């Protein structure tokens, strides 16, 4: 999985929802630093965290996986 592409999608979805990294972190029960690392591609979220992101950002699972599986 391409962490940078996934991170870009997370960031775009967060901005479109008009929420901060802190608000997203609270919604998915993690720290703001973790959200930042996901968005920059420095870290990949676990499957459990990705499921929380799907719900918090109101996107289908496929939104995050399309074009990231290379």
PDB file of N, CA and C in Angstrom:
ATOM      1  N   UNK A   1       0.842  -1.177   0.000  1.00  0.00           N
ATOM      2  CA  UNK A   1       0.000   0.000   0.000  1.00  0.00           C
ATOM      3  C   UNK A   1       0.886   1.238   0.000  1.00  0.00           C
ATOM      4  N   UNK A   2       0.542   2.193  -0.818  1.00  0.00           N
ATOM      5  CA  UNK A   2       1.308   3.439  -0.925  1.00  0.00           C
ATOM      6  C   UNK A   2       0.855   4.400   0.182  1.00  0.00           C
ATOM      7  N   UNK A   3       1.691   4.572   1.181  1.00  0.00           N
ATOM      8  CA  UNK A   3       1.344   5.379   2.356  1.00  0.00           C
ATOM      9  C   UNK A   3       1.124   6.849   1.996  1.00  0.00           C
ATOM     10  N   UNK A   4       1.893   7.359   1.066  1.00  0.00           N
ATOM     11  CA  UNK A   4       1.752   8.774   0.686  1.00  0.00           C
ATOM     12  C   UNK A   4       0.422   9.032  -0.025  1.00  0.00           C
ATOM     13  N   UNK A   5       0.029   8.134  -0.926  1.00  0.00           N
ATOM     14  CA  UNK A   5      -1.256   8.295  -1.617  1.00  0.00           C
ATOM     15  C   UNK A   5      -2.416   8.180  -0.637  1.00  0.00           C
ATOM     16  N   UNK A   6      -2.330   7.210   0.261  1.00  0.00           N
ATOM     17  CA  UNK A   6      -3.378   7.055   1.263  1.00  0.00           C
ATOM     18  C   UNK A   6      -3.446   8.290   2.150  1.00  0.00           C
ATOM     19  N   UNK A   7      -2.298   8.792   2.561  1.00  0.00           N
ATOM     20  CA  UNK A   7      -2.246   9.979   3.399  1.00  0.00           C
ATOM     21  C   UNK A   7      -2.883  11.183   2.736  1.00  0.00           C
ATOM     22  N   UNK A   8      -2.629  11.342   1.453  1.00  0.00           N
ATOM     23  CA  UNK A   8      -3.208  12.459   0.714  1.00  0.00           C
ATOM     24  C   UNK A   8      -4.739  12.350   0.696  1.00  0.00           C
ATOM     25  N   UNK A   9      -5.236  11.131   0.531  1.00  0.00           N
ATOM     26  CA  UNK A   9      -6.690  10.926   0.522  1.00  0.00           C
ATOM     27  C   UNK A   9      -7.303  11.213   1.897  1.00  0.00           C
ATOM     28  N   UNK A  10      -6.613  10.807   2.941  1.00  0.00           N
ATOM     29  CA  UNK A  10      -7.097  11.090   4.294  1.00  0.00           C
ATOM     30  C   UNK A  10      -7.172  12.597   4.509  1.00  0.00           C
ATOM     31  N   UNK A  11      -6.116  13.297   4.121  1.00  0.00           N
ATOM     32  CA  UNK A  11      -6.078  14.750   4.314  1.00  0.00           C
ATOM     33  C   UNK A  11      -7.184  15.442   3.521  1.00  0.00           C
ATOM     34  N   UNK A  12      -7.354  15.065   2.265  1.00  0.00           N
ATOM     35  CA  UNK A  12      -8.397  15.674   1.429  1.00  0.00           C
ATOM     36  C   UNK A  12      -9.777  15.440   2.045  1.00  0.00           C
ATOM     37  N   UNK A  13     -10.041  14.214   2.461  1.00  0.00           N
ATOM     38  CA  UNK A  13     -11.347  13.898   3.056  1.00  0.00           C
ATOM     39  C   UNK A  13     -11.559  14.696   4.338  1.00  0.00           C
ATOM     40  N   UNK A  14     -10.510  14.847   5.134  1.00  0.00           N
ATOM     41  CA  UNK A  14     -10.622  15.612   6.384  1.00  0.00           C
ATOM     42  C   UNK A  14     -10.932  17.073   6.091  1.00  0.00           C
ATOM     43  N   UNK A  15     -10.238  17.646   5.138  1.00  0.00           N
ATOM     44  CA  UNK A  15     -10.459  19.050   4.782  1.00  0.00           C
ATOM     45  C   UNK A  15     -11.866  19.240   4.216  1.00  0.00           C
ATOM     46  N   UNK A  16     -12.315  18.303   3.391  1.00  0.00           N
ATOM     47  CA  UNK A  16     -13.667  18.392   2.834  1.00  0.00           C
ATOM     48  C   UNK A  16     -14.734  18.302   3.928  1.00  0.00           C
ATOM     49  N   UNK A  17     -14.426  17.597   5.011  1.00  0.00           N
ATOM     50  CA  UNK A  17     -15.355  17.510   6.143  1.00  0.00           C
ATOM     51  C   UNK A  17     -15.235  18.730   7.058  1.00  0.00           C
ATOM     52  N   UNK A  18     -14.267  19.593   6.773  1.00  0.00           N
ATOM     53  CA  UNK A  18     -14.021  20.814   7.535  1.00  0.00           C
ATOM     54  C   UNK A  18     -13.748  20.522   9.016  1.00  0.00           C
ATOM     55  N   UNK A  19     -12.852  19.546   9.231  1.00  0.00           N
ATOM     56  CA  UNK A  19     -12.448  19.229  10.602  1.00  0.00           C
ATOM     57  C   UNK A  19     -10.924  19.284  10.714  1.00  0.00           C
ATOM     58  N   UNK A  20     -10.461  19.562  11.905  1.00  0.00           N
ATOM     59  CA  UNK A  20      -9.021  19.649  12.158  1.00  0.00           C
ATOM     60  C   UNK A  20      -8.449  18.261  12.417  1.00  0.00           C
ATOM     61  N   UNK A  21      -7.133  18.193  12.430  1.00  0.00           N
ATOM     62  CA  UNK A  21      -6.480  16.926  12.794  1.00  0.00           C
ATOM     63  C   UNK A  21      -6.844  16.530  14.213  1.00  0.00           C
ATOM     64  N   UNK A  22      -6.948  17.498  15.096  1.00  0.00           N
ATOM     65  CA  UNK A  22      -7.309  17.212  16.491  1.00  0.00           C
ATOM     66  C   UNK A  22      -8.711  16.619  16.567  1.00  0.00           C
ATOM     67  N   UNK A  23      -9.655  17.206  15.828  1.00  0.00           N
ATOM     68  CA  UNK A  23     -11.024  16.693  15.830  1.00  0.00           C
ATOM     69  C   UNK A  23     -11.091  15.283  15.250  1.00  0.00           C
ATOM     70  N   UNK A  24     -10.332  15.047  14.189  1.00  0.00           N
ATOM     71  CA  UNK A  24     -10.306  13.710  13.600  1.00  0.00           C
ATOM     72  C   UNK A  24      -9.682  12.719  14.566  1.00  0.00           C
ATOM     73  N   UNK A  25      -8.619  13.117  15.212  1.00  0.00           N
ATOM     74  CA  UNK A  25      -7.963  12.238  16.188  1.00  0.00           C
ATOM     75  C   UNK A  25      -8.937  11.847  17.293  1.00  0.00           C
ATOM     76  N   UNK A  26      -9.708  12.804  17.781  1.00  0.00           N
ATOM     77  CA  UNK A  26     -10.702  12.501  18.821  1.00  0.00           C
ATOM     78  C   UNK A  26     -11.753  11.528  18.293  1.00  0.00           C
ATOM     79  N   UNK A  27     -12.186  11.730  17.055  1.00  0.00           N
ATOM     80  CA  UNK A  27     -13.222  10.881  16.463  1.00  0.00           C
ATOM     81  C   UNK A  27     -12.760   9.433  16.288  1.00  0.00           C
ATOM     82  N   UNK A  28     -11.468   9.248  16.019  1.00  0.00           N
ATOM     83  CA  UNK A  28     -10.964   7.887  15.796  1.00  0.00           C
ATOM     84  C   UNK A  28     -10.177   7.364  17.003  1.00  0.00           C
ATOM     85  N   UNK A  29     -10.247   8.111  18.084  1.00  0.00           N
ATOM     86  CA  UNK A  29      -9.641   7.699  19.356  1.00  0.00           C
ATOM     87  C   UNK A  29      -8.128   7.475  19.250  1.00  0.00           C
ATOM     88  N   UNK A  30      -7.459   8.504  18.732  1.00  0.00           N
ATOM     89  CA  UNK A  30      -5.996   8.473  18.651  1.00  0.00           C
ATOM     90  C   UNK A  30      -5.472   9.875  18.926  1.00  0.00           C
ATOM     91  N   UNK A  31      -4.184  10.067  18.710  1.00  0.00           N
ATOM     92  CA  UNK A  31      -3.563  11.378  18.946  1.00  0.00           C
ATOM     93  C   UNK A  31      -3.446  12.162  17.639  1.00  0.00           C
ATOM     94  N   UNK A  32      -3.375  13.468  17.758  1.00  0.00           N
ATOM     95  CA  UNK A  32      -3.225  14.325  16.590  1.00  0.00           C
ATOM     96  C   UNK A  32      -1.944  13.968  15.841  1.00  0.00           C
ATOM     97  N   UNK A  33      -0.902  13.627  16.575  1.00  0.00           N
ATOM     98  CA  UNK A  33       0.372  13.276  15.946  1.00  0.00           C
ATOM     99  C   UNK A  33       0.215  12.061  15.025  1.00  0.00           C
ATOM    100  N   UNK A  34      -0.606  11.110  15.419  1.00  0.00           N
ATOM    101  CA  UNK A  34      -0.844   9.936  14.575  1.00  0.00           C
ATOM    102  C   UNK A  34      -1.548  10.337  13.285  1.00  0.00           C
ATOM    103  N   UNK A  35      -2.554  11.204  13.395  1.00  0.00           N
ATOM    104  CA  UNK A  35      -3.260  11.677  12.201  1.00  0.00           C
ATOM    105  C   UNK A  35      -2.277  12.377  11.269  1.00  0.00           C
ATOM    106  N   UNK A  36      -1.418  13.211  11.820  1.00  0.00           N
ATOM    107  CA  UNK A  36      -0.415  13.902  11.020  1.00  0.00           C
ATOM    108  C   UNK A  36       0.487  12.900  10.303  1.00  0.00           C
ATOM    109  N   UNK A  37       0.909  11.863  11.005  1.00  0.00           N
ATOM    110  CA  UNK A  37       1.785  10.850  10.402  1.00  0.00           C
ATOM    111  C   UNK A  37       1.059  10.084   9.293  1.00  0.00           C
ATOM    112  N   UNK A  38      -0.239   9.825   9.473  1.00  0.00           N
ATOM    113  CA  UNK A  38      -1.009   9.163   8.406  1.00  0.00           C
ATOM    114  C   UNK A  38      -1.080  10.063   7.183  1.00  0.00           C
ATOM    115  N   UNK A  39      -1.363  11.349   7.412  1.00  0.00           N
ATOM    116  CA  UNK A  39      -1.543  12.282   6.301  1.00  0.00           C
ATOM    117  C   UNK A  39      -0.258  12.522   5.523  1.00  0.00           C
ATOM    118  N   UNK A  40       0.870  12.473   6.166  1.00  0.00           N
ATOM    119  CA  UNK A  40       2.143  12.693   5.466  1.00  0.00           C
ATOM    120  C   UNK A  40       2.702  11.411   4.857  1.00  0.00           C
ATOM    121  N   UNK A  41       2.111  10.288   5.193  1.00  0.00           N
ATOM    122  CA  UNK A  41       2.611   9.015   4.681  1.00  0.00           C
ATOM    123  C   UNK A  41       3.739   8.448   5.512  1.00  0.00           C
ATOM    124  N   UNK A  42       4.000   9.048   6.675  1.00  0.00           N
ATOM    125  CA  UNK A  42       5.064   8.556   7.557  1.00  0.00           C
ATOM    126  C   UNK A  42       4.660   7.275   8.264  1.00  0.00           C
ATOM    127  N   UNK A  43       3.352   7.024   8.343  1.00  0.00           N
ATOM    128  CA  UNK A  43       2.846   5.804   8.989  1.00  0.00           C
ATOM    129  C   UNK A  43       1.568   5.368   8.289  1.00  0.00           C
ATOM    130  N   UNK A  44       1.312   4.076   8.330  1.00  0.00           N
ATOM    131  CA  UNK A  44       0.063   3.527   7.806  1.00  0.00           C
ATOM    132  C   UNK A  44      -0.868   3.213   8.968  1.00  0.00           C
ATOM    133  N   UNK A  45      -2.148   3.573   8.843  1.00  0.00           N
ATOM    134  CA  UNK A  45      -3.093   3.203   9.901  1.00  0.00           C
ATOM    135  C   UNK A  45      -3.349   1.700   9.880  1.00  0.00           C
ATOM    136  N   UNK A  46      -3.634   1.150  11.045  1.00  0.00           N
ATOM    137  CA  UNK A  46      -4.019  -0.260  11.112  1.00  0.00           C
ATOM    138  C   UNK A  46      -5.375  -0.417  10.432  1.00  0.00           C
ATOM    139  N   UNK A  47      -5.769  -1.636  10.157  1.00  0.00           N
ATOM    140  CA  UNK A  47      -7.070  -1.901   9.546  1.00  0.00           C
ATOM    141  C   UNK A  47      -8.184  -1.359  10.447  1.00  0.00           C
ATOM    142  N   UNK A  48      -8.046  -1.560  11.737  1.00  0.00           N
ATOM    143  CA  UNK A  48      -9.046  -1.058  12.690  1.00  0.00           C
ATOM    144  C   UNK A  48      -9.142   0.465  12.615  1.00  0.00           C
ATOM    145  N   UNK A  49      -8.011   1.129  12.550  1.00  0.00           N
ATOM    146  CA  UNK A  49      -7.995   2.597  12.459  1.00  0.00           C
ATOM    147  C   UNK A  49      -8.547   3.057  11.125  1.00  0.00           C
ATOM    148  N   UNK A  50      -8.237   2.346  10.062  1.00  0.00           N
ATOM    149  CA  UNK A  50      -8.762   2.690   8.746  1.00  0.00           C
ATOM    150  C   UNK A  50     -10.290   2.592   8.755  1.00  0.00           C
ATOM    151  N   UNK A  51     -10.830   1.590   9.422  1.00  0.00           N
ATOM    152  CA  UNK A  51     -12.292   1.461   9.549  1.00  0.00           C
ATOM    153  C   UNK A  51     -12.873   2.667  10.285  1.00  0.00           C
ATOM    154  N   UNK A  52     -12.184   3.143  11.319  1.00  0.00           N
ATOM    155  CA  UNK A  52     -12.636   4.333  12.053  1.00  0.00           C
ATOM    156  C   UNK A  52     -12.570   5.572  11.167  1.00  0.00           C
ATOM    157  N   UNK A  53     -11.531   5.658  10.340  1.00  0.00           N
ATOM    158  CA  UNK A  53     -11.403   6.787   9.416  1.00  0.00           C
ATOM    159  C   UNK A  53     -12.549   6.794   8.405  1.00  0.00           C
ATOM    160  N   UNK A  54     -12.899   5.626   7.906  1.00  0.00           N
ATOM    161  CA  UNK A  54     -14.013   5.497   6.960  1.00  0.00           C
ATOM    162  C   UNK A  54     -15.283   6.086   7.571  1.00  0.00           C
ATOM    163  N   UNK A  55     -15.561   5.717   8.810  1.00  0.00           N
ATOM    164  CA  UNK A  55     -16.772   6.222   9.479  1.00  0.00           C
ATOM    165  C   UNK A  55     -16.663   7.713   9.774  1.00  0.00           C
ATOM    166  N   UNK A  56     -15.533   8.142  10.315  1.00  0.00           N
ATOM    167  CA  UNK A  56     -15.377   9.539  10.724  1.00  0.00           C
ATOM    168  C   UNK A  56     -15.382  10.495   9.531  1.00  0.00           C
ATOM    169  N   UNK A  57     -14.849  10.052   8.410  1.00  0.00           N
ATOM    170  CA  UNK A  57     -14.741  10.920   7.241  1.00  0.00           C
ATOM    171  C   UNK A  57     -15.861  10.698   6.232  1.00  0.00           C
ATOM    172  N   UNK A  58     -16.779   9.788   6.561  1.00  0.00           N
ATOM    173  CA  UNK A  58     -17.973   9.552   5.742  1.00  0.00           C
ATOM    174  C   UNK A  58     -17.618   9.241   4.283  1.00  0.00           C
ATOM    175  N   UNK A  59     -16.692   8.324   4.133  1.00  0.00           N
ATOM    176  CA  UNK A  59     -16.257   7.892   2.799  1.00  0.00           C
ATOM    177  C   UNK A  59     -16.366   6.367   2.722  1.00  0.00           C
ATOM    178  N   UNK A  60     -16.583   5.827   1.513  1.00  0.00           N
ATOM    179  CA  UNK A  60     -16.561   4.367   1.380  1.00  0.00           C
ATOM    180  C   UNK A  60     -15.131   3.849   1.543  1.00  0.00           C
ATOM    181  N   UNK A  61     -15.024   2.624   1.967  1.00  0.00           N
ATOM    182  CA  UNK A  61     -13.707   2.007   2.150  1.00  0.00           C
ATOM    183  C   UNK A  61     -12.886   2.107   0.867  1.00  0.00           C
ATOM    184  N   UNK A  62     -13.547   1.918  -0.260  1.00  0.00           N
ATOM    185  CA  UNK A  62     -12.843   1.927  -1.546  1.00  0.00           C
ATOM    186  C   UNK A  62     -12.206   3.279  -1.849  1.00  0.00           C
ATOM    187  N   UNK A  63     -12.750   4.360  -1.302  1.00  0.00           N
ATOM    188  CA  UNK A  63     -12.164   5.690  -1.513  1.00  0.00           C
ATOM    189  C   UNK A  63     -10.708   5.701  -1.068  1.00  0.00           C
ATOM    190  N   UNK A  64     -10.432   5.066   0.043  1.00  0.00           N
ATOM    191  CA  UNK A  64      -9.079   5.080   0.593  1.00  0.00           C
ATOM    192  C   UNK A  64      -8.155   4.067  -0.070  1.00  0.00           C
ATOM    193  N   UNK A  65      -8.722   3.019  -0.635  1.00  0.00           N
ATOM    194  CA  UNK A  65      -7.886   1.972  -1.197  1.00  0.00           C
ATOM    195  C   UNK A  65      -7.621   2.132  -2.683  1.00  0.00           C
ATOM    196  N   UNK A  66      -8.544   2.757  -3.414  1.00  0.00           N
ATOM    197  CA  UNK A  66      -8.341   2.957  -4.850  1.00  0.00           C
ATOM    198  C   UNK A  66      -7.059   3.733  -5.084  1.00  0.00           C
ATOM    199  N   UNK A  67      -6.246   3.271  -5.992  1.00  0.00           N
ATOM    200  CA  UNK A  67      -4.973   3.901  -6.376  1.00  0.00           C
ATOM    201  C   UNK A  67      -3.892   3.841  -5.304  1.00  0.00           C
ATOM    202  N   UNK A  68      -4.165   3.205  -4.164  1.00  0.00           N
ATOM    203  CA  UNK A  68      -3.158   3.124  -3.095  1.00  0.00           C
ATOM    204  C   UNK A  68      -2.531   1.745  -2.996  1.00  0.00           C
ATOM    205  N   UNK A  69      -3.008   0.838  -3.797  1.00  0.00           N
ATOM    206  CA  UNK A  69      -2.549  -0.545  -3.700  1.00  0.00           C
ATOM    207  C   UNK A  69      -1.473  -0.831  -4.740  1.00  0.00           C
ATOM    208  N   UNK A  70      -0.418  -0.035  -4.737  1.00  0.00           N
ATOM    209  CA  UNK A  70       0.665  -0.273  -5.694  1.00  0.00           C
ATOM    210  C   UNK A  70       1.987  -0.407  -5.001  1.00  0.00           C
TER     211      UNK A  70
END
